[in-house]
């Protein structure tokens, strides 16, 4: 990473918001995300299309916003604060990863300021969605499988902790996660994992409250 883009150096001016790596050049701030048109596919792509359609249908039925939400921003901030991380996300897996909840450093902090979307195949959240369980990475460079990632270079990330958002129907809606440019001691991994798991439960309680019995 060049010195000019080094997130550890103080910025002389507030850096512009940049999108995390995605397919497309412009920063994308969705005003409303509608379900993609129903199209017949075969093979793995067809499975992904069906899963995405179920996700959109469920979110619409539950009345969940698919744009930036102050409530989800607050949940992301609380999760990041409890974990001691610079960035926190409530991430819905739509046509793109969409951060309906986002906490990050102030614009004049000198750290990278991220946008609200990212390509579906970047970062570590796709792994969380696929495995349907939490992913604790106290040091992303400790595992060759997870060290080679566009986000590492784009934001300078060293630690990641994420957990899935799973509806009672079994549909995975997305993730909650925290990321930071500092690695964490391995001894802290369990505590940090538990924080994001608890945050995921809290988000799902807001999305789909359990019926009163």
N, C-alpha and C. Protein backbone atom coordinates (compact mmCIF):
# COMPACT_ATOMS: atom_id res chain seq x y z
N UNK A 1 0.85 -1.18 0.00
CA UNK A 1 0.00 0.00 0.00
C UNK A 1 0.88 1.22 0.00
N UNK A 2 0.59 2.18 -0.86
CA UNK A 2 1.43 3.36 -0.95
C UNK A 2 1.26 4.24 0.25
N UNK A 3 2.27 5.09 0.48
CA UNK A 3 2.21 5.97 1.64
C UNK A 3 1.01 6.90 1.55
N UNK A 4 0.68 7.32 0.32
CA UNK A 4 -0.43 8.25 0.16
C UNK A 4 -1.74 7.65 0.66
N UNK A 5 -1.91 6.33 0.51
CA UNK A 5 -3.15 5.68 0.90
C UNK A 5 -3.05 4.96 2.24
N UNK A 6 -1.96 5.15 2.95
CA UNK A 6 -1.76 4.45 4.21
C UNK A 6 -2.78 4.93 5.24
N UNK A 7 -3.69 4.04 5.71
CA UNK A 7 -4.74 4.47 6.64
C UNK A 7 -4.21 4.88 7.99
N UNK A 8 -2.93 4.58 8.30
CA UNK A 8 -2.39 4.96 9.59
C UNK A 8 -1.92 6.41 9.60
N UNK A 9 -1.74 7.03 8.42
CA UNK A 9 -1.26 8.40 8.37
C UNK A 9 -2.43 9.36 8.47
N UNK A 10 -2.31 10.44 9.24
CA UNK A 10 -3.41 11.40 9.33
C UNK A 10 -3.65 12.07 7.99
N UNK A 11 -4.89 12.27 7.67
CA UNK A 11 -5.24 12.88 6.40
C UNK A 11 -5.22 14.40 6.55
N UNK A 12 -4.69 15.06 5.52
CA UNK A 12 -4.67 16.52 5.55
C UNK A 12 -6.05 17.10 5.27
N UNK A 13 -6.82 16.38 4.47
CA UNK A 13 -8.20 16.77 4.23
C UNK A 13 -9.05 15.53 4.41
N UNK A 14 -10.33 15.75 4.64
CA UNK A 14 -11.22 14.61 4.83
C UNK A 14 -11.26 13.78 3.57
N UNK A 15 -10.94 12.47 3.66
CA UNK A 15 -10.93 11.64 2.46
C UNK A 15 -12.34 11.40 1.95
N UNK A 16 -12.50 11.27 0.65
CA UNK A 16 -13.83 10.99 0.11
C UNK A 16 -14.25 9.57 0.46
N UNK A 17 -15.56 9.37 0.54
CA UNK A 17 -16.06 8.01 0.78
C UNK A 17 -15.72 7.15 -0.41
N UNK A 18 -15.14 6.00 -0.16
CA UNK A 18 -14.82 5.09 -1.24
C UNK A 18 -15.57 3.79 -1.03
N UNK A 19 -15.98 3.21 -2.12
CA UNK A 19 -16.66 1.93 -2.04
C UNK A 19 -15.65 0.85 -1.78
N UNK A 20 -16.02 -0.12 -0.97
CA UNK A 20 -15.20 -1.31 -0.87
C UNK A 20 -15.20 -1.99 -2.22
N UNK A 21 -14.24 -2.88 -2.48
CA UNK A 21 -14.11 -3.46 -3.83
C UNK A 21 -15.42 -4.05 -4.34
N UNK A 22 -15.77 -3.69 -5.57
CA UNK A 22 -17.00 -4.18 -6.18
C UNK A 22 -16.83 -4.14 -7.69
N UNK A 23 -17.69 -4.83 -8.37
CA UNK A 23 -17.66 -4.80 -9.83
C UNK A 23 -18.34 -3.53 -10.31
N UNK A 24 -17.62 -2.60 -10.81
CA UNK A 24 -18.17 -1.31 -11.22
C UNK A 24 -17.30 -0.22 -10.65
N UNK A 25 -17.25 0.90 -11.31
CA UNK A 25 -16.33 1.93 -10.93
C UNK A 25 -16.92 2.95 -9.98
N UNK A 26 -18.22 3.25 -10.09
CA UNK A 26 -18.80 4.33 -9.32
C UNK A 26 -19.26 3.84 -7.96
N UNK A 27 -19.19 4.71 -6.97
CA UNK A 27 -19.75 4.42 -5.66
C UNK A 27 -21.26 4.33 -5.80
N UNK A 28 -21.84 3.31 -5.20
CA UNK A 28 -23.26 3.04 -5.40
C UNK A 28 -23.98 3.19 -4.08
N UNK A 29 -24.91 4.12 -4.01
CA UNK A 29 -25.75 4.27 -2.83
C UNK A 29 -27.18 3.97 -3.26
N UNK A 30 -27.68 2.76 -2.99
CA UNK A 30 -29.01 2.42 -3.47
C UNK A 30 -30.09 3.20 -2.74
N UNK A 31 -31.07 3.67 -3.48
CA UNK A 31 -32.23 4.30 -2.85
C UNK A 31 -33.27 3.24 -2.52
N UNK A 32 -33.37 2.26 -3.37
CA UNK A 32 -34.28 1.14 -3.10
C UNK A 32 -33.79 -0.04 -3.92
N UNK A 33 -33.78 -1.19 -3.31
CA UNK A 33 -33.31 -2.38 -4.02
C UNK A 33 -34.50 -3.30 -4.23
N UNK A 34 -34.85 -3.54 -5.46
CA UNK A 34 -35.94 -4.45 -5.78
C UNK A 34 -35.38 -5.78 -6.19
N UNK A 35 -36.19 -6.80 -6.07
CA UNK A 35 -35.74 -8.14 -6.41
C UNK A 35 -35.40 -8.22 -7.89
N UNK A 36 -34.35 -8.98 -8.23
CA UNK A 36 -34.00 -9.14 -9.64
C UNK A 36 -35.09 -9.89 -10.37
N UNK A 37 -35.25 -9.65 -11.67
CA UNK A 37 -36.29 -10.35 -12.41
C UNK A 37 -36.09 -11.86 -12.38
N UNK A 38 -37.20 -12.58 -12.32
CA UNK A 38 -37.13 -14.03 -12.30
C UNK A 38 -36.63 -14.53 -13.65
N UNK A 39 -35.52 -15.26 -13.62
CA UNK A 39 -34.93 -15.78 -14.84
C UNK A 39 -34.56 -17.23 -14.63
N UNK A 40 -34.73 -18.05 -15.64
CA UNK A 40 -34.41 -19.46 -15.53
C UNK A 40 -32.91 -19.65 -15.67
N UNK A 41 -32.29 -20.26 -14.66
CA UNK A 41 -30.88 -20.58 -14.70
C UNK A 41 -30.72 -22.06 -14.38
N UNK A 42 -29.58 -22.59 -14.77
CA UNK A 42 -29.26 -23.96 -14.40
C UNK A 42 -27.92 -23.96 -13.69
N UNK A 43 -27.69 -24.99 -12.88
CA UNK A 43 -26.40 -25.10 -12.20
C UNK A 43 -26.32 -24.19 -11.00
N UNK A 44 -25.08 -23.94 -10.50
CA UNK A 44 -24.89 -23.16 -9.29
C UNK A 44 -25.48 -21.76 -9.38
N UNK A 45 -25.39 -21.11 -10.55
CA UNK A 45 -25.93 -19.76 -10.68
C UNK A 45 -27.44 -19.76 -10.43
N UNK A 46 -28.11 -20.82 -10.90
CA UNK A 46 -29.54 -20.92 -10.67
C UNK A 46 -29.86 -21.04 -9.20
N UNK A 47 -29.04 -21.80 -8.45
CA UNK A 47 -29.23 -21.92 -7.02
C UNK A 47 -29.06 -20.60 -6.31
N UNK A 48 -28.05 -19.83 -6.74
CA UNK A 48 -27.82 -18.52 -6.15
C UNK A 48 -28.98 -17.59 -6.44
N UNK A 49 -29.52 -17.66 -7.68
CA UNK A 49 -30.64 -16.80 -8.05
C UNK A 49 -31.87 -17.11 -7.21
N UNK A 50 -32.14 -18.40 -6.99
CA UNK A 50 -33.29 -18.80 -6.19
C UNK A 50 -33.12 -18.35 -4.74
N UNK A 51 -31.90 -18.49 -4.23
CA UNK A 51 -31.63 -18.06 -2.85
C UNK A 51 -31.83 -16.56 -2.71
N UNK A 52 -31.35 -15.79 -3.69
CA UNK A 52 -31.50 -14.34 -3.65
C UNK A 52 -32.97 -13.94 -3.72
N UNK A 53 -33.73 -14.61 -4.55
CA UNK A 53 -35.16 -14.31 -4.66
C UNK A 53 -35.87 -14.59 -3.33
N UNK A 54 -35.52 -15.70 -2.68
CA UNK A 54 -36.12 -16.00 -1.37
C UNK A 54 -35.77 -14.93 -0.36
N UNK A 55 -34.53 -14.45 -0.43
CA UNK A 55 -34.07 -13.42 0.51
C UNK A 55 -34.85 -12.12 0.33
N UNK A 56 -35.00 -11.70 -0.92
CA UNK A 56 -35.77 -10.48 -1.20
C UNK A 56 -37.22 -10.63 -0.74
N UNK A 57 -37.82 -11.79 -1.04
CA UNK A 57 -39.22 -12.02 -0.68
C UNK A 57 -39.40 -11.97 0.83
N UNK A 58 -38.49 -12.57 1.56
CA UNK A 58 -38.58 -12.60 3.01
C UNK A 58 -38.39 -11.20 3.61
N UNK A 59 -37.40 -10.47 3.11
CA UNK A 59 -37.16 -9.12 3.60
C UNK A 59 -38.37 -8.22 3.35
N UNK A 60 -38.99 -8.37 2.18
CA UNK A 60 -40.18 -7.57 1.88
C UNK A 60 -41.32 -7.94 2.80
N UNK A 61 -41.49 -9.23 3.03
CA UNK A 61 -42.57 -9.68 3.90
C UNK A 61 -42.38 -9.19 5.33
N UNK A 62 -41.12 -9.14 5.77
CA UNK A 62 -40.83 -8.70 7.13
C UNK A 62 -40.78 -7.18 7.26
N UNK A 63 -40.79 -6.49 6.13
CA UNK A 63 -40.73 -5.03 6.17
C UNK A 63 -39.36 -4.50 6.55
N UNK A 64 -38.31 -5.22 6.17
CA UNK A 64 -36.95 -4.83 6.53
C UNK A 64 -36.42 -3.83 5.50
N UNK A 65 -35.90 -2.68 5.93
CA UNK A 65 -35.34 -1.72 4.97
C UNK A 65 -34.10 -2.27 4.30
N UNK A 66 -33.96 -1.98 3.02
CA UNK A 66 -32.78 -2.42 2.27
C UNK A 66 -31.90 -1.22 1.91
N UNK A 67 -32.08 -0.14 2.64
CA UNK A 67 -31.24 1.04 2.51
C UNK A 67 -30.68 1.37 3.88
N UNK A 68 -29.82 2.37 3.95
CA UNK A 68 -29.20 2.76 5.22
C UNK A 68 -30.27 3.04 6.27
N UNK A 69 -30.04 2.50 7.46
CA UNK A 69 -31.01 2.61 8.55
C UNK A 69 -30.31 3.12 9.80
N UNK A 70 -30.87 4.17 10.40
CA UNK A 70 -30.29 4.70 11.64
C UNK A 70 -30.28 3.65 12.74
N UNK A 71 -31.33 2.84 12.79
CA UNK A 71 -31.40 1.80 13.81
C UNK A 71 -30.29 0.77 13.63
N UNK A 72 -30.06 0.35 12.38
CA UNK A 72 -28.99 -0.61 12.14
C UNK A 72 -27.62 0.04 12.28
N UNK A 73 -27.51 1.32 11.94
CA UNK A 73 -26.25 2.04 12.18
C UNK A 73 -25.92 2.02 13.67
N UNK A 74 -26.92 2.22 14.49
CA UNK A 74 -26.72 2.21 15.95
C UNK A 74 -26.28 0.83 16.44
N UNK A 75 -26.89 -0.20 15.89
CA UNK A 75 -26.50 -1.56 16.27
C UNK A 75 -25.06 -1.86 15.83
N UNK A 76 -24.69 -1.40 14.63
CA UNK A 76 -23.32 -1.58 14.15
C UNK A 76 -22.33 -0.84 15.04
N UNK A 77 -22.69 0.37 15.44
CA UNK A 77 -21.82 1.17 16.31
C UNK A 77 -21.66 0.50 17.68
N UNK A 78 -22.75 0.01 18.23
CA UNK A 78 -22.68 -0.64 19.54
C UNK A 78 -21.81 -1.90 19.48
N UNK A 79 -21.97 -2.69 18.42
CA UNK A 79 -21.17 -3.90 18.26
C UNK A 79 -19.69 -3.56 18.13
N UNK A 80 -19.36 -2.58 17.30
CA UNK A 80 -17.96 -2.20 17.11
C UNK A 80 -17.37 -1.63 18.39
N UNK A 81 -18.15 -0.86 19.13
CA UNK A 81 -17.66 -0.28 20.38
C UNK A 81 -17.37 -1.35 21.40
N UNK A 82 -18.27 -2.31 21.53
CA UNK A 82 -18.07 -3.39 22.51
C UNK A 82 -16.86 -4.25 22.13
N UNK A 83 -16.64 -4.42 20.84
CA UNK A 83 -15.50 -5.22 20.39
C UNK A 83 -14.20 -4.42 20.39
N UNK A 84 -14.31 -3.08 20.37
CA UNK A 84 -13.12 -2.25 20.28
C UNK A 84 -12.56 -2.21 18.87
N UNK A 85 -13.44 -2.28 17.86
CA UNK A 85 -13.05 -2.27 16.45
C UNK A 85 -13.43 -0.93 15.82
N UNK A 86 -12.71 -0.54 14.77
CA UNK A 86 -12.99 0.72 14.10
C UNK A 86 -14.25 0.67 13.23
N UNK A 87 -14.52 -0.49 12.63
CA UNK A 87 -15.62 -0.60 11.68
C UNK A 87 -16.60 -1.68 12.13
N UNK A 88 -17.90 -1.40 11.95
CA UNK A 88 -18.93 -2.39 12.22
C UNK A 88 -19.98 -2.34 11.13
N UNK A 89 -20.54 -3.50 10.78
CA UNK A 89 -21.48 -3.59 9.65
C UNK A 89 -22.66 -4.49 9.98
N UNK A 90 -23.84 -4.07 9.54
CA UNK A 90 -24.99 -4.95 9.41
C UNK A 90 -25.19 -5.07 7.90
N UNK A 91 -24.98 -6.27 7.38
CA UNK A 91 -24.77 -6.48 5.95
C UNK A 91 -25.83 -7.43 5.39
N UNK A 92 -26.68 -6.92 4.50
CA UNK A 92 -27.65 -7.77 3.80
C UNK A 92 -27.07 -8.21 2.47
N UNK A 93 -27.21 -9.51 2.17
CA UNK A 93 -26.68 -10.07 0.92
C UNK A 93 -27.75 -9.96 -0.15
N UNK A 94 -27.71 -8.88 -0.91
CA UNK A 94 -28.67 -8.64 -1.98
C UNK A 94 -27.94 -8.77 -3.30
N UNK A 95 -28.29 -7.97 -4.29
CA UNK A 95 -27.54 -8.02 -5.54
C UNK A 95 -26.09 -7.64 -5.31
N UNK A 96 -25.87 -6.84 -4.27
CA UNK A 96 -24.54 -6.58 -3.74
C UNK A 96 -24.62 -6.73 -2.23
N UNK A 97 -23.48 -6.86 -1.58
CA UNK A 97 -23.47 -6.74 -0.14
C UNK A 97 -23.84 -5.30 0.19
N UNK A 98 -24.87 -5.14 1.02
CA UNK A 98 -25.43 -3.82 1.28
C UNK A 98 -25.40 -3.54 2.78
N UNK A 99 -24.65 -2.53 3.17
CA UNK A 99 -24.44 -2.23 4.58
C UNK A 99 -25.55 -1.31 5.08
N UNK A 100 -26.67 -1.91 5.47
CA UNK A 100 -27.78 -1.13 6.01
C UNK A 100 -27.43 -0.55 7.37
N UNK A 101 -26.47 -1.17 8.04
CA UNK A 101 -25.92 -0.63 9.28
C UNK A 101 -24.42 -0.46 9.10
N UNK A 102 -23.90 0.72 9.43
CA UNK A 102 -22.48 0.99 9.21
C UNK A 102 -21.94 1.91 10.29
N UNK A 103 -20.82 1.50 10.88
CA UNK A 103 -20.07 2.36 11.80
C UNK A 103 -18.63 2.39 11.33
N UNK A 104 -18.04 3.58 11.27
CA UNK A 104 -16.66 3.71 10.83
C UNK A 104 -16.05 4.97 11.44
N UNK A 105 -14.74 5.14 11.31
CA UNK A 105 -14.10 6.32 11.89
C UNK A 105 -14.61 7.61 11.26
N UNK A 106 -14.44 8.74 11.95
CA UNK A 106 -14.84 10.03 11.37
C UNK A 106 -14.10 10.31 10.06
N UNK A 107 -14.70 11.16 9.23
CA UNK A 107 -14.15 11.44 7.91
C UNK A 107 -12.75 12.06 7.98
N UNK A 108 -12.44 12.76 9.07
CA UNK A 108 -11.13 13.42 9.18
C UNK A 108 -10.14 12.63 10.01
N UNK A 109 -10.42 11.35 10.21
CA UNK A 109 -9.56 10.52 11.07
C UNK A 109 -8.28 10.06 10.39
N UNK A 110 -8.26 10.07 9.06
CA UNK A 110 -7.13 9.52 8.33
C UNK A 110 -7.31 8.07 7.94
N UNK A 111 -8.36 7.42 8.45
CA UNK A 111 -8.66 6.05 8.05
C UNK A 111 -9.54 6.05 6.81
N UNK A 112 -9.56 4.92 6.12
CA UNK A 112 -10.38 4.78 4.92
C UNK A 112 -11.86 4.92 5.27
N UNK A 113 -12.57 5.71 4.49
CA UNK A 113 -14.01 5.87 4.66
C UNK A 113 -14.69 5.04 3.57
N UNK A 114 -15.53 4.11 3.98
CA UNK A 114 -16.10 3.16 3.03
C UNK A 114 -17.53 3.56 2.66
N UNK A 115 -17.98 3.04 1.52
CA UNK A 115 -19.35 3.24 1.08
C UNK A 115 -20.27 2.18 1.63
N UNK A 116 -21.47 2.14 1.09
CA UNK A 116 -22.52 1.26 1.63
C UNK A 116 -22.66 -0.07 0.89
N UNK A 117 -21.88 -0.31 -0.15
CA UNK A 117 -22.02 -1.56 -0.90
C UNK A 117 -20.66 -2.16 -1.23
N UNK A 118 -20.69 -3.45 -1.53
CA UNK A 118 -19.49 -4.16 -1.94
C UNK A 118 -19.91 -5.35 -2.78
N UNK A 119 -19.07 -5.75 -3.72
CA UNK A 119 -19.34 -6.91 -4.55
C UNK A 119 -19.64 -8.13 -3.68
N UNK A 120 -20.53 -8.99 -4.13
CA UNK A 120 -20.97 -10.15 -3.35
C UNK A 120 -19.85 -11.16 -3.09
N UNK A 121 -18.79 -11.14 -3.91
CA UNK A 121 -17.75 -12.15 -3.75
C UNK A 121 -16.48 -11.60 -3.10
N UNK A 122 -16.54 -10.41 -2.53
CA UNK A 122 -15.38 -9.84 -1.85
C UNK A 122 -15.56 -9.85 -0.33
N UNK A 123 -14.44 -9.77 0.36
CA UNK A 123 -14.50 -9.78 1.82
C UNK A 123 -14.66 -11.20 2.35
N UNK A 124 -14.93 -11.30 3.64
CA UNK A 124 -15.06 -12.59 4.31
C UNK A 124 -16.50 -12.96 4.62
N UNK A 125 -17.42 -12.00 4.45
CA UNK A 125 -18.82 -12.30 4.73
C UNK A 125 -19.40 -13.40 3.84
N UNK A 126 -18.99 -13.51 2.55
CA UNK A 126 -19.49 -14.63 1.75
C UNK A 126 -19.20 -15.99 2.39
N UNK A 127 -18.06 -16.11 3.04
CA UNK A 127 -17.72 -17.36 3.73
C UNK A 127 -18.66 -17.60 4.90
N UNK A 128 -19.01 -16.54 5.62
CA UNK A 128 -19.93 -16.66 6.75
C UNK A 128 -21.30 -17.11 6.26
N UNK A 129 -21.77 -16.51 5.16
CA UNK A 129 -23.08 -16.87 4.60
C UNK A 129 -23.07 -18.33 4.14
N UNK A 130 -21.99 -18.75 3.49
CA UNK A 130 -21.92 -20.11 2.96
C UNK A 130 -21.87 -21.15 4.06
N UNK A 131 -21.10 -20.87 5.12
CA UNK A 131 -20.94 -21.86 6.18
C UNK A 131 -22.02 -21.77 7.26
N UNK A 132 -22.77 -20.65 7.27
CA UNK A 132 -23.87 -20.44 8.23
C UNK A 132 -23.38 -20.52 9.67
N UNK A 133 -22.19 -20.04 9.90
CA UNK A 133 -21.66 -19.99 11.26
C UNK A 133 -20.62 -18.87 11.35
N UNK A 134 -20.31 -18.48 12.57
CA UNK A 134 -19.40 -17.37 12.79
C UNK A 134 -18.00 -17.67 12.26
N UNK A 135 -17.32 -16.62 11.85
CA UNK A 135 -15.94 -16.72 11.36
C UNK A 135 -15.07 -15.76 12.15
N UNK A 136 -14.22 -16.27 13.06
CA UNK A 136 -13.32 -15.41 13.82
C UNK A 136 -11.92 -15.41 13.19
N UNK A 137 -11.47 -14.24 12.76
CA UNK A 137 -10.13 -14.11 12.18
C UNK A 137 -9.38 -13.06 13.01
N UNK A 138 -8.66 -13.50 14.02
CA UNK A 138 -7.94 -12.56 14.88
C UNK A 138 -6.79 -11.90 14.12
N UNK A 139 -6.27 -12.63 13.10
CA UNK A 139 -5.23 -12.09 12.22
C UNK A 139 -5.46 -12.71 10.85
N UNK A 140 -5.95 -11.91 9.89
CA UNK A 140 -6.31 -12.48 8.60
C UNK A 140 -5.11 -13.08 7.88
N UNK A 141 -3.90 -12.65 8.24
CA UNK A 141 -2.71 -13.19 7.60
C UNK A 141 -2.24 -14.51 8.21
N UNK A 142 -2.90 -14.94 9.27
CA UNK A 142 -2.52 -16.20 9.91
C UNK A 142 -2.97 -17.40 9.10
N UNK A 143 -3.91 -17.20 8.18
CA UNK A 143 -4.41 -18.29 7.35
C UNK A 143 -4.29 -17.90 5.88
N UNK A 144 -3.53 -18.66 5.07
CA UNK A 144 -3.41 -18.34 3.64
C UNK A 144 -4.75 -18.29 2.94
N UNK A 145 -5.70 -19.07 3.42
CA UNK A 145 -7.03 -19.09 2.79
C UNK A 145 -7.72 -17.74 2.87
N UNK A 146 -7.48 -17.01 3.95
CA UNK A 146 -8.21 -15.76 4.16
C UNK A 146 -7.35 -14.51 4.02
N UNK A 147 -6.04 -14.67 3.82
CA UNK A 147 -5.18 -13.50 3.74
C UNK A 147 -5.23 -12.83 2.36
N UNK A 148 -5.47 -13.62 1.32
CA UNK A 148 -5.53 -13.07 -0.02
C UNK A 148 -6.90 -12.53 -0.33
N UNK A 149 -7.15 -11.28 0.03
CA UNK A 149 -8.48 -10.71 -0.08
C UNK A 149 -8.38 -9.25 -0.50
N UNK A 150 -9.22 -8.82 -1.41
CA UNK A 150 -9.18 -7.44 -1.90
C UNK A 150 -9.33 -6.43 -0.76
N UNK A 151 -10.12 -6.79 0.26
CA UNK A 151 -10.38 -5.85 1.34
C UNK A 151 -9.12 -5.59 2.17
N UNK A 152 -8.25 -6.58 2.25
CA UNK A 152 -7.01 -6.42 3.02
C UNK A 152 -6.24 -5.21 2.51
N UNK A 153 -6.07 -5.13 1.19
CA UNK A 153 -5.31 -4.03 0.61
C UNK A 153 -6.12 -2.74 0.52
N UNK A 154 -7.42 -2.86 0.29
CA UNK A 154 -8.24 -1.66 0.10
C UNK A 154 -8.40 -0.87 1.39
N UNK A 155 -8.54 -1.57 2.52
CA UNK A 155 -8.79 -0.90 3.80
C UNK A 155 -7.68 -1.16 4.80
N UNK A 156 -6.78 -2.09 4.50
CA UNK A 156 -5.69 -2.39 5.42
C UNK A 156 -6.15 -3.19 6.62
N UNK A 157 -6.98 -4.21 6.39
CA UNK A 157 -7.60 -4.95 7.49
C UNK A 157 -6.69 -6.06 7.99
N UNK A 158 -6.62 -6.20 9.30
CA UNK A 158 -5.86 -7.29 9.92
C UNK A 158 -6.74 -8.23 10.73
N UNK A 159 -7.91 -7.79 11.17
CA UNK A 159 -8.77 -8.68 11.96
C UNK A 159 -10.22 -8.54 11.50
N UNK A 160 -10.92 -9.68 11.54
CA UNK A 160 -12.31 -9.75 11.11
C UNK A 160 -13.05 -10.75 11.99
N UNK A 161 -14.23 -10.36 12.44
CA UNK A 161 -15.12 -11.27 13.15
C UNK A 161 -16.52 -11.08 12.59
N UNK A 162 -17.13 -12.16 12.10
CA UNK A 162 -18.45 -12.06 11.50
C UNK A 162 -19.35 -13.20 11.93
N UNK A 163 -20.66 -12.95 11.88
CA UNK A 163 -21.65 -13.97 12.22
C UNK A 163 -22.84 -13.83 11.28
N UNK A 164 -23.52 -14.94 10.96
CA UNK A 164 -24.62 -14.89 10.00
C UNK A 164 -25.92 -14.38 10.62
N UNK A 165 -26.78 -13.84 9.76
CA UNK A 165 -28.14 -13.48 10.13
C UNK A 165 -29.06 -14.52 9.52
N UNK A 166 -29.52 -15.45 10.35
CA UNK A 166 -30.31 -16.60 9.86
C UNK A 166 -31.74 -16.50 10.38
N UNK A 167 -32.69 -16.46 9.46
CA UNK A 167 -34.11 -16.44 9.82
C UNK A 167 -34.54 -17.83 10.27
N UNK A 168 -35.64 -17.88 11.01
CA UNK A 168 -36.15 -19.18 11.49
C UNK A 168 -36.46 -20.12 10.34
N UNK A 169 -36.73 -19.59 9.16
CA UNK A 169 -37.02 -20.42 7.99
C UNK A 169 -35.77 -21.10 7.45
N UNK A 170 -34.60 -20.68 7.94
CA UNK A 170 -33.34 -21.21 7.44
C UNK A 170 -32.67 -20.32 6.40
N UNK A 171 -33.37 -19.29 5.95
CA UNK A 171 -32.80 -18.37 4.97
C UNK A 171 -31.76 -17.47 5.62
N UNK A 172 -30.57 -17.40 5.02
CA UNK A 172 -29.52 -16.51 5.51
C UNK A 172 -29.70 -15.15 4.85
N UNK A 173 -29.97 -14.13 5.66
CA UNK A 173 -30.23 -12.79 5.13
C UNK A 173 -28.96 -12.00 4.91
N UNK A 174 -27.93 -12.31 5.66
CA UNK A 174 -26.68 -11.56 5.56
C UNK A 174 -25.79 -11.84 6.76
N UNK A 175 -25.10 -10.82 7.21
CA UNK A 175 -24.14 -10.99 8.31
C UNK A 175 -24.09 -9.72 9.16
N UNK A 176 -23.50 -9.87 10.33
CA UNK A 176 -22.95 -8.74 11.07
C UNK A 176 -21.45 -9.00 11.18
N UNK A 177 -20.66 -7.94 11.16
CA UNK A 177 -19.22 -8.14 11.27
C UNK A 177 -18.53 -6.89 11.76
N UNK A 178 -17.33 -7.07 12.28
CA UNK A 178 -16.44 -5.97 12.64
C UNK A 178 -15.09 -6.22 11.99
N UNK A 179 -14.43 -5.14 11.56
CA UNK A 179 -13.10 -5.24 10.97
C UNK A 179 -12.22 -4.14 11.55
N UNK A 180 -10.90 -4.38 11.51
CA UNK A 180 -9.99 -3.41 12.11
C UNK A 180 -8.60 -3.56 11.48
N UNK A 181 -7.83 -2.47 11.38
CA UNK A 181 -6.47 -2.56 10.84
C UNK A 181 -5.46 -3.14 11.81
N UNK A 182 -5.87 -3.45 13.04
CA UNK A 182 -4.97 -4.06 14.01
C UNK A 182 -5.38 -5.51 14.23
N UNK A 183 -4.41 -6.42 14.27
CA UNK A 183 -4.72 -7.80 14.60
C UNK A 183 -5.03 -7.91 16.09
N UNK A 184 -5.70 -8.98 16.48
CA UNK A 184 -6.07 -9.19 17.87
C UNK A 184 -5.37 -10.43 18.42
N UNK A 185 -5.10 -10.47 19.73
CA UNK A 185 -4.50 -11.68 20.31
C UNK A 185 -5.44 -12.87 20.13
N UNK A 186 -4.86 -14.03 19.91
CA UNK A 186 -5.67 -15.23 19.77
C UNK A 186 -6.52 -15.47 21.01
N UNK A 187 -6.00 -15.07 22.16
CA UNK A 187 -6.72 -15.25 23.42
C UNK A 187 -8.02 -14.45 23.48
N UNK A 188 -8.16 -13.44 22.60
CA UNK A 188 -9.35 -12.61 22.57
C UNK A 188 -10.40 -13.12 21.59
N UNK A 189 -10.04 -14.13 20.79
CA UNK A 189 -10.90 -14.55 19.68
C UNK A 189 -12.27 -15.01 20.15
N UNK A 190 -12.34 -15.80 21.19
CA UNK A 190 -13.63 -16.33 21.65
C UNK A 190 -14.55 -15.19 22.12
N UNK A 191 -14.00 -14.26 22.89
CA UNK A 191 -14.80 -13.14 23.39
C UNK A 191 -15.33 -12.29 22.24
N UNK A 192 -14.49 -12.00 21.26
CA UNK A 192 -14.91 -11.19 20.13
C UNK A 192 -15.92 -11.92 19.26
N UNK A 193 -15.71 -13.21 19.08
CA UNK A 193 -16.69 -14.01 18.34
C UNK A 193 -18.06 -13.95 19.02
N UNK A 194 -18.07 -14.07 20.34
CA UNK A 194 -19.33 -14.05 21.09
C UNK A 194 -20.02 -12.69 20.98
N UNK A 195 -19.24 -11.62 20.88
CA UNK A 195 -19.83 -10.28 20.73
C UNK A 195 -20.59 -10.17 19.41
N UNK A 196 -19.98 -10.64 18.32
CA UNK A 196 -20.68 -10.52 17.03
C UNK A 196 -21.85 -11.49 16.94
N UNK A 197 -21.74 -12.66 17.55
CA UNK A 197 -22.87 -13.59 17.57
C UNK A 197 -24.04 -12.97 18.32
N UNK A 198 -23.76 -12.34 19.46
CA UNK A 198 -24.80 -11.68 20.23
C UNK A 198 -25.41 -10.53 19.44
N UNK A 199 -24.57 -9.80 18.71
CA UNK A 199 -25.08 -8.70 17.89
C UNK A 199 -25.98 -9.23 16.78
N UNK A 200 -25.60 -10.37 16.18
CA UNK A 200 -26.44 -10.97 15.16
C UNK A 200 -27.80 -11.36 15.70
N UNK A 201 -27.82 -11.91 16.90
CA UNK A 201 -29.09 -12.25 17.55
C UNK A 201 -29.93 -11.01 17.78
N UNK A 202 -29.29 -9.92 18.19
CA UNK A 202 -29.99 -8.67 18.43
C UNK A 202 -30.59 -8.12 17.13
N UNK A 203 -29.83 -8.19 16.05
CA UNK A 203 -30.34 -7.73 14.75
C UNK A 203 -31.54 -8.56 14.33
N UNK A 204 -31.45 -9.88 14.46
CA UNK A 204 -32.57 -10.74 14.07
C UNK A 204 -33.79 -10.51 14.96
N UNK A 205 -33.58 -10.16 16.23
CA UNK A 205 -34.71 -9.83 17.10
C UNK A 205 -35.43 -8.58 16.62
N UNK A 206 -34.68 -7.65 16.01
CA UNK A 206 -35.30 -6.46 15.44
C UNK A 206 -35.97 -6.77 14.11
N UNK A 207 -35.37 -7.65 13.33
CA UNK A 207 -35.90 -7.98 12.01
C UNK A 207 -37.17 -8.84 12.12
N UNK A 208 -37.10 -9.85 12.97
CA UNK A 208 -38.20 -10.82 13.08
C UNK A 208 -38.42 -11.14 14.55
N UNK A 209 -39.09 -10.24 15.29
CA UNK A 209 -39.32 -10.48 16.72
C UNK A 209 -40.08 -11.79 16.95
N UNK A 210 -39.69 -12.49 18.01
CA UNK A 210 -40.39 -13.73 18.35
C UNK A 210 -41.81 -13.39 18.81
N UNK A 211 -42.80 -14.19 18.40
CA UNK A 211 -44.18 -13.91 18.81
C UNK A 211 -44.35 -14.02 20.33
N UNK A 212 -45.20 -13.18 20.87
CA UNK A 212 -45.48 -13.21 22.31
C UNK A 212 -46.35 -14.40 22.61
N UNK A 213 -45.95 -15.17 23.63
CA UNK A 213 -46.72 -16.37 23.98
C UNK A 213 -47.43 -16.17 25.31
